[in-house]
Amino acid sequence: MKAMLLCAGLGTRLGELGELRPKPMFPVCGRPILEYGIANLVGHGITELVINTHHRGEIIRQELGDGARLGARIQYVQEDALLGTGGGLRHALSLLDPHGRDEPFLSLNGKLIFDLDLTALLAAYHRAVAASPSEEVLGMMVVRRDPDAVAWGAVELREQGEGRAPRVTDILGQGQHMFCGVHVTRPRVVARLPDGEACMVRQGYLPWLRAGGQVVAWETPAVTFAEHSTPERYLASNWALLDGAPLRYPPGKLTGVDPTARVHPSAALREPLWVGPGATIEEGAQVGPYAVVGAGARVPAGTSLARAVVWAGQSQPIK
C-alpha cells in the first residue's frame, strides 16, 4: 500500500514563522512534524510514500531526501498552484497508481501528530469493502469525538449494524465527531474529482454521499492528536510530547539532554525539556520547565527559557 502526505499548504495562520518553513517541517521536540507521520507509517509497514509540495517545498526535499534515512521511499510532486486536498491527490495519481491497479491508498495531512493505529484502520476498511459487495465504498474517513466538532466541521454518522462500519450521512453539519484529515480511498474515486483545485471533502465526499454514495467512518481511540495551524497549537504540541503524550512509533527520544550538548556547570535545567545535539546552554542560563532547544541552538548566558522553543541553530525563542 502507498500513502500520500499532504504538505502543500501555506501556513498563513502561523504568521512570520510560516514564511520560514513549510508547516509539516516545523520541529516538535527537535523533529519535523512530518517525521512523526512517516515514523508511524513505516512502523506499520507502509514505506512507499508520496509527498506533495508547494510553499518552501525545497526544504522538505532537502531534509527528507529519498526517505532512506527514515526507512521509507519518498517520491515528490510539486504543485505550482495550490490544488487542495482533493486536487493534490488527483495530481499525484500517476505516482499513487503507476500500474493502473486501482489499489487503495492512505491520505494523511502532513501537519498532524497523532497516535493512529494504521493496521486497525486498514483492517476496518477491508472489512467494510467485504461487507458491501453490491455498493462501492468511496472512502473511509478517520474520525474522533471532539467537543468542538461543529467548529471543525462535524461528521454525522449512522450505525449500520454489528460488524459494519458506520456510514457518513453528512459532513460540515452537526454531530460529535470531527474528520481527522486521514482517509483511505482508491484512485478511481479520486479520478472523479474535477480538474484543478478541489477539496476532497467539499468537492468529493460531501456531494457524493448526498447523491447516495457510500462513505464510511472509522473512529480512532487515539489519545494524542495535535494539529499545528497556529503558534499556540504548535507550542502546545511540544508541551504535550514533553509530558509523555503516547505515540505508537515515536521518531526518537523526545525528552532529556543529548550527550553532545554543551551545558555550562552553572546553568540550571528543569524538566520536562529537550536539548538537542550540539546545543549550547551558557553560563547561568535557566532552561525549563517546558523548553525545547534545537540541535546547535544557543541559550545565552544569564537568560531564562521556559515554555519556549528555540529552533535548530538559533538563539531567539518562540513563545
C-alpha atoms as a PDB file:
ATOM      1  CA  MET A   1       0.000   0.000   0.000  1.00  0.00           C
ATOM      2  CA  LYS A   2       1.058   3.569  -0.696  1.00  0.00           C
ATOM      3  CA  ALA A   3       0.382   6.658   1.360  1.00  0.00           C
ATOM      4  CA  MET A   4       0.253  10.311   0.425  1.00  0.00           C
ATOM      5  CA  LEU A   5       1.201  13.020   2.876  1.00  0.00           C
ATOM      6  CA  LEU A   6      -0.376  16.376   2.055  1.00  0.00           C
ATOM      7  CA  CYS A   7       2.224  19.089   2.611  1.00  0.00           C
ATOM      8  CA  ALA A   8       1.424  21.871   0.149  1.00  0.00           C
ATOM      9  CA  GLY A   9      -0.288  24.392   2.448  1.00  0.00           C
ATOM     10  CA  LEU A  10       0.856  27.973   3.007  1.00  0.00           C
ATOM     11  CA  GLY A  11       0.782  28.128   6.812  1.00  0.00           C
ATOM     12  CA  THR A  12      -0.658  31.641   6.772  1.00  0.00           C
ATOM     13  CA  ARG A  13      -2.091  31.433  10.313  1.00  0.00           C
ATOM     14  CA  LEU A  14       1.440  30.921  11.624  1.00  0.00           C
ATOM     15  CA  GLY A  15       2.433  34.429  10.580  1.00  0.00           C
ATOM     16  CA  GLU A  16       6.148  35.068  10.084  1.00  0.00           C
ATOM     17  CA  LEU A  17       7.023  31.553  11.236  1.00  0.00           C
ATOM     18  CA  GLY A  18       5.022  30.142   8.338  1.00  0.00           C
ATOM     19  CA  GLU A  19       7.130  32.128   5.896  1.00  0.00           C
ATOM     20  CA  LEU A  20      10.327  30.461   7.106  1.00  0.00           C
ATOM     21  CA  ARG A  21       9.411  26.793   6.786  1.00  0.00           C
ATOM     22  CA  PRO A  22       6.546  24.680   5.458  1.00  0.00           C
ATOM     23  CA  LYS A  23       4.288  23.759   8.355  1.00  0.00           C
ATOM     24  CA  PRO A  24       4.986  19.986   8.195  1.00  0.00           C
ATOM     25  CA  MET A  25       8.679  20.777   8.749  1.00  0.00           C
ATOM     26  CA  PHE A  26       8.172  22.744  11.963  1.00  0.00           C
ATOM     27  CA  PRO A  27      10.248  20.952  14.628  1.00  0.00           C
ATOM     28  CA  VAL A  28       8.397  19.436  17.573  1.00  0.00           C
ATOM     29  CA  CYS A  29      10.774  18.241  20.278  1.00  0.00           C
ATOM     30  CA  GLY A  30      13.530  18.617  17.721  1.00  0.00           C
ATOM     31  CA  ARG A  31      11.981  16.613  14.890  1.00  0.00           C
ATOM     32  CA  PRO A  32       9.862  17.829  11.973  1.00  0.00           C
ATOM     33  CA  ILE A  33       6.134  17.226  12.312  1.00  0.00           C
ATOM     34  CA  LEU A  34       6.275  15.243   9.079  1.00  0.00           C
ATOM     35  CA  GLU A  35       8.767  12.760  10.514  1.00  0.00           C
ATOM     36  CA  TYR A  36       6.228  11.734  13.157  1.00  0.00           C
ATOM     37  CA  GLY A  37       3.742  10.755  10.465  1.00  0.00           C
ATOM     38  CA  ILE A  38       6.408   8.946   8.474  1.00  0.00           C
ATOM     39  CA  ALA A  39       7.594   7.053  11.566  1.00  0.00           C
ATOM     40  CA  ASN A  40       4.034   5.866  12.178  1.00  0.00           C
ATOM     41  CA  LEU A  41       3.599   4.777   8.561  1.00  0.00           C
ATOM     42  CA  VAL A  42       6.912   2.914   8.484  1.00  0.00           C
ATOM     43  CA  GLY A  43       6.170   1.328  11.861  1.00  0.00           C
ATOM     44  CA  HIS A  44       3.006  -0.131  10.334  1.00  0.00           C
ATOM     45  CA  GLY A  45       4.878  -1.403   7.277  1.00  0.00           C
ATOM     46  CA  ILE A  46       3.852   1.365   4.853  1.00  0.00           C
ATOM     47  CA  THR A  47       7.048   2.605   3.239  1.00  0.00           C
ATOM     48  CA  GLU A  48       6.034   3.766  -0.271  1.00  0.00           C
ATOM     49  CA  LEU A  49       5.202   7.435   0.222  1.00  0.00           C
ATOM     50  CA  VAL A  50       4.217  10.377  -1.964  1.00  0.00           C
ATOM     51  CA  ILE A  51       4.550  13.956  -0.710  1.00  0.00           C
ATOM     52  CA  ASN A  52       3.129  16.998  -2.456  1.00  0.00           C
ATOM     53  CA  THR A  53       4.922  20.313  -2.006  1.00  0.00           C
ATOM     54  CA  HIS A  54       4.336  23.977  -2.765  1.00  0.00           C
ATOM     55  CA  HIS A  55       5.443  26.665  -0.283  1.00  0.00           C
ATOM     56  CA  ARG A  56       9.161  26.219   0.557  1.00  0.00           C
ATOM     57  CA  GLY A  57       8.979  22.727  -0.849  1.00  0.00           C
ATOM     58  CA  GLU A  58      12.743  22.644  -1.323  1.00  0.00           C
ATOM     59  CA  ILE A  59      13.130  22.411   2.460  1.00  0.00           C
ATOM     60  CA  ILE A  60      11.112  19.189   2.567  1.00  0.00           C
ATOM     61  CA  ARG A  61      13.128  17.699  -0.281  1.00  0.00           C
ATOM     62  CA  GLN A  62      16.472  18.720   1.198  1.00  0.00           C
ATOM     63  CA  GLU A  63      15.783  17.480   4.714  1.00  0.00           C
ATOM     64  CA  LEU A  64      13.946  14.234   3.925  1.00  0.00           C
ATOM     65  CA  GLY A  65      15.620  13.334   0.644  1.00  0.00           C
ATOM     66  CA  ASP A  66      14.601   9.967  -0.738  1.00  0.00           C
ATOM     67  CA  GLY A  67      13.399   8.825   2.688  1.00  0.00           C
ATOM     68  CA  ALA A  68      16.034   6.115   3.148  1.00  0.00           C
ATOM     69  CA  ARG A  69      17.157   7.635   6.461  1.00  0.00           C
ATOM     70  CA  LEU A  70      13.602   7.140   7.732  1.00  0.00           C
ATOM     71  CA  GLY A  71      13.113   3.650   6.328  1.00  0.00           C
ATOM     72  CA  ALA A  72      10.865   4.868   3.519  1.00  0.00           C
ATOM     73  CA  ARG A  73      10.921   5.536  -0.218  1.00  0.00           C
ATOM     74  CA  ILE A  74       9.644   9.040  -0.904  1.00  0.00           C
ATOM     75  CA  GLN A  75       8.503  10.464  -4.227  1.00  0.00           C
ATOM     76  CA  TYR A  76       7.618  14.125  -4.571  1.00  0.00           C
ATOM     77  CA  VAL A  77       5.126  16.031  -6.676  1.00  0.00           C
ATOM     78  CA  GLN A  78       5.348  19.811  -6.905  1.00  0.00           C
ATOM     79  CA  GLU A  79       2.241  21.986  -7.117  1.00  0.00           C
ATOM     80  CA  ASP A  80       2.983  25.260  -8.879  1.00  0.00           C
ATOM     81  CA  ALA A  81      -0.516  26.388  -7.899  1.00  0.00           C
ATOM     82  CA  LEU A  82      -2.312  25.087  -4.817  1.00  0.00           C
ATOM     83  CA  LEU A  83      -4.661  22.232  -5.707  1.00  0.00           C
ATOM     84  CA  GLY A  84      -6.321  21.474  -2.373  1.00  0.00           C
ATOM     85  CA  THR A  85      -6.694  18.180  -0.537  1.00  0.00           C
ATOM     86  CA  GLY A  86      -8.504  16.523  -3.440  1.00  0.00           C
ATOM     87  CA  GLY A  87      -6.789  18.200  -6.360  1.00  0.00           C
ATOM     88  CA  GLY A  88      -3.435  17.324  -4.836  1.00  0.00           C
ATOM     89  CA  LEU A  89      -4.372  13.633  -4.797  1.00  0.00           C
ATOM     90  CA  ARG A  90      -5.640  13.768  -8.371  1.00  0.00           C
ATOM     91  CA  HIS A  91      -2.438  15.496  -9.487  1.00  0.00           C
ATOM     92  CA  ALA A  92      -0.385  12.694  -7.905  1.00  0.00           C
ATOM     93  CA  LEU A  93      -2.338   9.721  -9.308  1.00  0.00           C
ATOM     94  CA  SER A  94       0.468   8.743 -11.670  1.00  0.00           C
ATOM     95  CA  LEU A  95       2.657   8.146  -8.603  1.00  0.00           C
ATOM     96  CA  LEU A  96      -0.044   6.657  -6.405  1.00  0.00           C
ATOM     97  CA  ASP A  97      -1.236   4.228  -9.088  1.00  0.00           C
ATOM     98  CA  PRO A  98       1.588   3.886 -11.647  1.00  0.00           C
ATOM     99  CA  HIS A  99       0.422   0.492 -12.940  1.00  0.00           C
ATOM    100  CA  GLY A 100      -3.317   1.188 -13.033  1.00  0.00           C
ATOM    101  CA  ARG A 101      -4.189  -1.461 -10.442  1.00  0.00           C
ATOM    102  CA  ASP A 102      -6.572   0.816  -8.530  1.00  0.00           C
ATOM    103  CA  GLU A 103      -5.261  -0.354  -5.167  1.00  0.00           C
ATOM    104  CA  PRO A 104      -6.464   1.546  -2.084  1.00  0.00           C
ATOM    105  CA  PHE A 105      -4.118   4.091  -0.562  1.00  0.00           C
ATOM    106  CA  LEU A 106      -3.899   6.247   2.535  1.00  0.00           C
ATOM    107  CA  SER A 107      -4.081  10.026   2.520  1.00  0.00           C
ATOM    108  CA  LEU A 108      -2.800  11.881   5.576  1.00  0.00           C
ATOM    109  CA  ASN A 109      -2.472  15.539   6.419  1.00  0.00           C
ATOM    110  CA  GLY A 110       1.216  16.306   6.875  1.00  0.00           C
ATOM    111  CA  LYS A 111       0.650  18.810   9.695  1.00  0.00           C
ATOM    112  CA  LEU A 112      -0.652  16.244  12.197  1.00  0.00           C
ATOM    113  CA  ILE A 113       0.911  14.284  15.026  1.00  0.00           C
ATOM    114  CA  PHE A 114      -1.263  11.576  16.489  1.00  0.00           C
ATOM    115  CA  ASP A 115      -1.225   8.024  17.714  1.00  0.00           C
ATOM    116  CA  LEU A 116      -3.133   6.339  14.904  1.00  0.00           C
ATOM    117  CA  ASP A 117      -3.277   2.542  14.640  1.00  0.00           C
ATOM    118  CA  LEU A 118      -2.986   2.224  10.866  1.00  0.00           C
ATOM    119  CA  THR A 119      -3.159  -1.569  10.962  1.00  0.00           C
ATOM    120  CA  ALA A 120      -6.568  -1.410  12.653  1.00  0.00           C
ATOM    121  CA  LEU A 121      -7.718   1.288  10.224  1.00  0.00           C
ATOM    122  CA  LEU A 122      -6.815  -0.730   7.134  1.00  0.00           C
ATOM    123  CA  ALA A 123      -8.381  -3.882   8.562  1.00  0.00           C
ATOM    124  CA  ALA A 124     -11.586  -1.913   9.152  1.00  0.00           C
ATOM    125  CA  TYR A 125     -11.505  -0.592   5.593  1.00  0.00           C
ATOM    126  CA  HIS A 126     -11.159  -4.053   4.068  1.00  0.00           C
ATOM    127  CA  ARG A 127     -13.972  -5.362   6.289  1.00  0.00           C
ATOM    128  CA  ALA A 128     -16.194  -2.513   5.124  1.00  0.00           C
ATOM    129  CA  VAL A 129     -15.485  -3.305   1.473  1.00  0.00           C
ATOM    130  CA  ALA A 130     -16.132  -7.023   2.009  1.00  0.00           C
ATOM    131  CA  ALA A 131     -19.404  -6.277   3.824  1.00  0.00           C
ATOM    132  CA  SER A 132     -20.689  -4.173   0.925  1.00  0.00           C
ATOM    133  CA  PRO A 133     -20.216  -6.236  -2.263  1.00  0.00           C
ATOM    134  CA  SER A 134     -23.075  -4.553  -4.106  1.00  0.00           C
ATOM    135  CA  GLU A 135     -22.288  -0.937  -3.191  1.00  0.00           C
ATOM    136  CA  GLU A 136     -18.953   0.763  -3.692  1.00  0.00           C
ATOM    137  CA  VAL A 137     -17.177   2.144  -0.638  1.00  0.00           C
ATOM    138  CA  LEU A 138     -15.925   5.506  -1.853  1.00  0.00           C
ATOM    139  CA  GLY A 139     -13.727   6.055   1.160  1.00  0.00           C
ATOM    140  CA  MET A 140     -13.218   5.526   4.869  1.00  0.00           C
ATOM    141  CA  MET A 141     -12.745   8.703   6.895  1.00  0.00           C
ATOM    142  CA  VAL A 142     -10.920   8.611  10.226  1.00  0.00           C
ATOM    143  CA  VAL A 143     -12.965  10.481  12.829  1.00  0.00           C
ATOM    144  CA  ARG A 144     -12.655  11.226  16.521  1.00  0.00           C
ATOM    145  CA  ARG A 145     -15.025  12.543  19.153  1.00  0.00           C
ATOM    146  CA  ASP A 146     -14.343  16.179  19.916  1.00  0.00           C
ATOM    147  CA  PRO A 147     -16.328  18.739  21.939  1.00  0.00           C
ATOM    148  CA  ASP A 148     -15.539  21.318  19.236  1.00  0.00           C
ATOM    149  CA  ALA A 149     -16.542  19.039  16.365  1.00  0.00           C
ATOM    150  CA  VAL A 150     -19.026  21.533  14.922  1.00  0.00           C
ATOM    151  CA  ALA A 151     -16.367  24.246  14.770  1.00  0.00           C
ATOM    152  CA  TRP A 152     -14.074  21.884  12.861  1.00  0.00           C
ATOM    153  CA  GLY A 153     -16.901  20.677  10.616  1.00  0.00           C
ATOM    154  CA  ALA A 154     -18.759  17.817  12.260  1.00  0.00           C
ATOM    155  CA  VAL A 155     -19.184  14.425  10.616  1.00  0.00           C
ATOM    156  CA  GLU A 156     -22.614  12.868  11.109  1.00  0.00           C
ATOM    157  CA  LEU A 157     -22.764   9.075  11.314  1.00  0.00           C
ATOM    158  CA  ARG A 158     -25.394   6.345  11.115  1.00  0.00           C
ATOM    159  CA  GLU A 159     -24.716   2.908  12.512  1.00  0.00           C
ATOM    160  CA  GLN A 160     -25.211   0.079  10.011  1.00  0.00           C
ATOM    161  CA  GLY A 161     -25.382  -2.853  12.376  1.00  0.00           C
ATOM    162  CA  GLU A 162     -22.938  -5.081  14.181  1.00  0.00           C
ATOM    163  CA  GLY A 163     -19.680  -5.676  12.348  1.00  0.00           C
ATOM    164  CA  ARG A 164     -20.231  -2.900   9.806  1.00  0.00           C
ATOM    165  CA  ALA A 165     -18.561   0.487   9.688  1.00  0.00           C
ATOM    166  CA  PRO A 166     -20.825   3.455  10.426  1.00  0.00           C
ATOM    167  CA  ARG A 167     -21.992   5.316   7.356  1.00  0.00           C
ATOM    168  CA  VAL A 168     -21.264   9.018   6.956  1.00  0.00           C
ATOM    169  CA  THR A 169     -24.557  10.849   6.395  1.00  0.00           C
ATOM    170  CA  ASP A 170     -23.315  14.432   6.365  1.00  0.00           C
ATOM    171  CA  ILE A 171     -20.159  16.491   6.725  1.00  0.00           C
ATOM    172  CA  LEU A 172     -19.765  20.097   7.885  1.00  0.00           C
ATOM    173  CA  GLY A 173     -23.014  19.815   9.823  1.00  0.00           C
ATOM    174  CA  GLN A 174     -23.878  18.759  13.377  1.00  0.00           C
ATOM    175  CA  GLY A 175     -22.544  15.815  15.322  1.00  0.00           C
ATOM    176  CA  GLN A 176     -19.967  14.711  17.870  1.00  0.00           C
ATOM    177  CA  HIS A 177     -17.208  13.614  15.503  1.00  0.00           C
ATOM    178  CA  MET A 178     -14.619  15.519  13.503  1.00  0.00           C
ATOM    179  CA  PHE A 179     -12.679  14.381  10.449  1.00  0.00           C
ATOM    180  CA  CYS A 180      -9.028  13.864  11.357  1.00  0.00           C
ATOM    181  CA  GLY A 181      -7.523  14.568   7.946  1.00  0.00           C
ATOM    182  CA  VAL A 182      -6.806  10.879   7.286  1.00  0.00           C
ATOM    183  CA  HIS A 183      -8.759   8.631   4.943  1.00  0.00           C
ATOM    184  CA  VAL A 184      -8.494   5.528   2.766  1.00  0.00           C
ATOM    185  CA  THR A 185      -9.738   5.625  -0.803  1.00  0.00           C
ATOM    186  CA  ARG A 186      -8.982   4.368  -4.319  1.00  0.00           C
ATOM    187  CA  PRO A 187      -7.503   6.013  -7.422  1.00  0.00           C
ATOM    188  CA  ARG A 188     -10.714   5.543  -9.405  1.00  0.00           C
ATOM    189  CA  VAL A 189     -12.595   7.522  -6.762  1.00  0.00           C
ATOM    190  CA  VAL A 190     -10.091  10.383  -6.761  1.00  0.00           C
ATOM    191  CA  ALA A 191     -10.204  10.464 -10.572  1.00  0.00           C
ATOM    192  CA  ARG A 192     -13.845  11.603 -10.338  1.00  0.00           C
ATOM    193  CA  LEU A 193     -12.802  14.924  -8.835  1.00  0.00           C
ATOM    194  CA  PRO A 194     -12.772  17.961 -11.123  1.00  0.00           C
ATOM    195  CA  ASP A 195      -9.503  19.097 -12.663  1.00  0.00           C
ATOM    196  CA  GLY A 196      -7.578  21.789 -10.840  1.00  0.00           C
ATOM    197  CA  GLU A 197      -8.177  22.862  -7.263  1.00  0.00           C
ATOM    198  CA  ALA A 198     -10.562  20.642  -5.297  1.00  0.00           C
ATOM    199  CA  CYS A 199     -11.239  19.804  -1.673  1.00  0.00           C
ATOM    200  CA  MET A 200     -11.628  16.079  -1.023  1.00  0.00           C
ATOM    201  CA  VAL A 201     -14.491  16.787   1.377  1.00  0.00           C
ATOM    202  CA  ARG A 202     -16.344  19.697  -0.244  1.00  0.00           C
ATOM    203  CA  GLN A 203     -15.978  18.640  -3.890  1.00  0.00           C
ATOM    204  CA  GLY A 204     -15.692  14.905  -3.233  1.00  0.00           C
ATOM    205  CA  TYR A 205     -17.151  13.053  -0.287  1.00  0.00           C
ATOM    206  CA  LEU A 206     -19.865  15.574   0.580  1.00  0.00           C
ATOM    207  CA  PRO A 207     -21.613  15.792  -2.827  1.00  0.00           C
ATOM    208  CA  TRP A 208     -21.057  12.083  -3.441  1.00  0.00           C
ATOM    209  CA  LEU A 209     -22.701  10.965  -0.205  1.00  0.00           C
ATOM    210  CA  ARG A 210     -25.566  13.426  -0.702  1.00  0.00           C
ATOM    211  CA  ALA A 211     -26.107  11.805  -4.088  1.00  0.00           C
ATOM    212  CA  GLY A 212     -26.407   8.414  -2.371  1.00  0.00           C
ATOM    213  CA  GLY A 213     -22.785   7.266  -2.451  1.00  0.00           C
ATOM    214  CA  GLN A 214     -21.348   5.291   0.439  1.00  0.00           C
ATOM    215  CA  VAL A 215     -18.667   6.897   2.575  1.00  0.00           C
ATOM    216  CA  VAL A 216     -17.886   5.135   5.855  1.00  0.00           C
ATOM    217  CA  ALA A 217     -16.019   6.106   9.006  1.00  0.00           C
ATOM    218  CA  TRP A 218     -13.593   4.616  11.474  1.00  0.00           C
ATOM    219  CA  GLU A 219     -13.444   6.149  14.937  1.00  0.00           C
ATOM    220  CA  THR A 220      -9.927   6.270  16.296  1.00  0.00           C
ATOM    221  CA  PRO A 221      -9.374   5.799  20.025  1.00  0.00           C
ATOM    222  CA  ALA A 222      -6.072   7.697  19.785  1.00  0.00           C
ATOM    223  CA  VAL A 223      -5.352   9.910  22.772  1.00  0.00           C
ATOM    224  CA  THR A 224      -2.675  12.015  21.100  1.00  0.00           C
ATOM    225  CA  PHE A 225      -3.930  14.377  18.398  1.00  0.00           C
ATOM    226  CA  ALA A 226      -2.035  17.564  17.579  1.00  0.00           C
ATOM    227  CA  GLU A 227      -2.744  19.986  14.752  1.00  0.00           C
ATOM    228  CA  HIS A 228      -0.285  22.816  14.197  1.00  0.00           C
ATOM    229  CA  SER A 229      -2.023  25.597  12.262  1.00  0.00           C
ATOM    230  CA  THR A 230      -1.448  28.347  14.855  1.00  0.00           C
ATOM    231  CA  PRO A 231       1.529  29.281  17.068  1.00  0.00           C
ATOM    232  CA  GLU A 232      -0.497  28.336  20.155  1.00  0.00           C
ATOM    233  CA  ARG A 233      -1.256  24.839  18.838  1.00  0.00           C
ATOM    234  CA  TYR A 234       2.343  24.399  17.739  1.00  0.00           C
ATOM    235  CA  LEU A 235       3.698  25.183  21.199  1.00  0.00           C
ATOM    236  CA  ALA A 236       1.020  23.072  22.899  1.00  0.00           C
ATOM    237  CA  SER A 237       2.115  20.079  20.828  1.00  0.00           C
ATOM    238  CA  ASN A 238       5.684  20.423  22.123  1.00  0.00           C
ATOM    239  CA  TRP A 239       4.457  20.571  25.722  1.00  0.00           C
ATOM    240  CA  ALA A 240       2.191  17.553  25.241  1.00  0.00           C
ATOM    241  CA  LEU A 241       5.052  15.409  23.963  1.00  0.00           C
ATOM    242  CA  LEU A 242       7.354  16.605  26.728  1.00  0.00           C
ATOM    243  CA  ASP A 243       4.639  15.442  29.124  1.00  0.00           C
ATOM    244  CA  GLY A 244       4.743  11.979  27.556  1.00  0.00           C
ATOM    245  CA  ALA A 245       1.743  12.023  25.220  1.00  0.00           C
ATOM    246  CA  PRO A 246       1.575   8.462  23.855  1.00  0.00           C
ATOM    247  CA  LEU A 247       2.867   7.723  20.371  1.00  0.00           C
ATOM    248  CA  ARG A 248       2.854   4.249  18.870  1.00  0.00           C
ATOM    249  CA  TYR A 249       6.018   4.828  16.860  1.00  0.00           C
ATOM    250  CA  PRO A 250       7.888   7.927  18.067  1.00  0.00           C
ATOM    251  CA  PRO A 251      10.665   9.070  15.717  1.00  0.00           C
ATOM    252  CA  GLY A 252      13.230   9.026  18.531  1.00  0.00           C
ATOM    253  CA  LYS A 253      13.893  10.237  22.068  1.00  0.00           C
ATOM    254  CA  LEU A 254      11.702  13.265  22.785  1.00  0.00           C
ATOM    255  CA  THR A 255      12.889  14.404  26.223  1.00  0.00           C
ATOM    256  CA  GLY A 256      16.173  14.900  28.034  1.00  0.00           C
ATOM    257  CA  VAL A 257      19.575  16.321  27.087  1.00  0.00           C
ATOM    258  CA  ASP A 258      21.561  14.984  24.158  1.00  0.00           C
ATOM    259  CA  PRO A 259      25.035  13.817  25.260  1.00  0.00           C
ATOM    260  CA  THR A 260      26.692  16.118  22.700  1.00  0.00           C
ATOM    261  CA  ALA A 261      25.003  19.250  24.088  1.00  0.00           C
ATOM    262  CA  ARG A 262      27.280  21.672  25.960  1.00  0.00           C
ATOM    263  CA  VAL A 263      25.760  22.708  29.275  1.00  0.00           C
ATOM    264  CA  HIS A 264      27.682  25.146  31.498  1.00  0.00           C
ATOM    265  CA  PRO A 265      28.080  23.852  35.072  1.00  0.00           C
ATOM    266  CA  SER A 266      26.289  26.933  36.438  1.00  0.00           C
ATOM    267  CA  ALA A 267      23.261  26.510  34.162  1.00  0.00           C
ATOM    268  CA  ALA A 268      20.041  25.206  35.718  1.00  0.00           C
ATOM    269  CA  LEU A 269      17.890  22.679  33.871  1.00  0.00           C
ATOM    270  CA  ARG A 270      14.326  21.878  34.926  1.00  0.00           C
ATOM    271  CA  GLU A 271      12.314  19.066  33.372  1.00  0.00           C
ATOM    272  CA  PRO A 272      10.454  18.491  31.198  1.00  0.00           C
ATOM    273  CA  LEU A 273      12.745  19.667  28.443  1.00  0.00           C
ATOM    274  CA  TRP A 274      14.595  18.569  25.336  1.00  0.00           C
ATOM    275  CA  VAL A 275      18.072  19.815  24.454  1.00  0.00           C
ATOM    276  CA  GLY A 276      19.309  18.703  21.065  1.00  0.00           C
ATOM    277  CA  PRO A 277      22.679  17.592  19.679  1.00  0.00           C
ATOM    278  CA  GLY A 278      25.374  20.251  19.767  1.00  0.00           C
ATOM    279  CA  ALA A 279      23.177  22.789  21.562  1.00  0.00           C
ATOM    280  CA  THR A 280      24.868  25.229  23.950  1.00  0.00           C
ATOM    281  CA  ILE A 281      23.476  26.292  27.325  1.00  0.00           C
ATOM    282  CA  GLU A 282      25.665  29.147  28.521  1.00  0.00           C
ATOM    283  CA  GLU A 283      26.733  30.296  31.984  1.00  0.00           C
ATOM    284  CA  GLY A 284      23.916  30.986  34.421  1.00  0.00           C
ATOM    285  CA  ALA A 285      21.146  30.198  31.956  1.00  0.00           C
ATOM    286  CA  GLN A 286      17.928  28.674  33.285  1.00  0.00           C
ATOM    287  CA  VAL A 287      16.243  26.228  30.933  1.00  0.00           C
ATOM    288  CA  GLY A 288      12.840  24.680  31.567  1.00  0.00           C
ATOM    289  CA  PRO A 289      10.365  23.605  32.520  1.00  0.00           C
ATOM    290  CA  TYR A 290       8.772  23.100  29.114  1.00  0.00           C
ATOM    291  CA  ALA A 291      11.686  24.144  26.955  1.00  0.00           C
ATOM    292  CA  VAL A 292      12.897  22.760  23.628  1.00  0.00           C
ATOM    293  CA  VAL A 293      16.375  23.691  22.408  1.00  0.00           C
ATOM    294  CA  GLY A 294      17.090  22.511  18.880  1.00  0.00           C
ATOM    295  CA  ALA A 295      20.279  20.998  17.507  1.00  0.00           C
ATOM    296  CA  GLY A 296      23.099  23.540  17.517  1.00  0.00           C
ATOM    297  CA  ALA A 297      20.894  26.179  19.143  1.00  0.00           C
ATOM    298  CA  ARG A 298      22.155  28.507  21.875  1.00  0.00           C
ATOM    299  CA  VAL A 299      20.675  29.740  25.137  1.00  0.00           C
ATOM    300  CA  PRO A 300      22.670  32.886  26.017  1.00  0.00           C
ATOM    301  CA  ALA A 301      24.328  33.413  29.385  1.00  0.00           C
ATOM    302  CA  GLY A 302      22.061  34.570  32.176  1.00  0.00           C
ATOM    303  CA  THR A 303      18.819  34.144  30.253  1.00  0.00           C
ATOM    304  CA  SER A 304      15.731  32.164  31.204  1.00  0.00           C
ATOM    305  CA  LEU A 305      13.972  29.852  28.770  1.00  0.00           C
ATOM    306  CA  ALA A 306      10.647  28.338  29.862  1.00  0.00           C
ATOM    307  CA  ARG A 307       7.578  27.416  27.827  1.00  0.00           C
ATOM    308  CA  ALA A 308       9.552  28.283  24.729  1.00  0.00           C
ATOM    309  CA  VAL A 309      11.125  26.635  21.685  1.00  0.00           C
ATOM    310  CA  VAL A 310      14.438  27.547  20.069  1.00  0.00           C
ATOM    311  CA  TRP A 311      14.834  26.175  16.561  1.00  0.00           C
ATOM    312  CA  ALA A 312      17.991  24.419  15.398  1.00  0.00           C
ATOM    313  CA  GLY A 313      20.951  26.746  15.008  1.00  0.00           C
ATOM    314  CA  GLN A 314      19.082  29.712  16.505  1.00  0.00           C
ATOM    315  CA  SER A 315      19.088  31.628  19.788  1.00  0.00           C
ATOM    316  CA  GLN A 316      15.793  33.519  19.503  1.00  0.00           C
ATOM    317  CA  PRO A 317      12.983  31.726  21.384  1.00  0.00           C
ATOM    318  CA  ILE A 318       9.453  31.153  20.113  1.00  0.00           C
ATOM    319  CA  LYS A 319       6.933  31.726  22.896  1.00  0.00           C
END
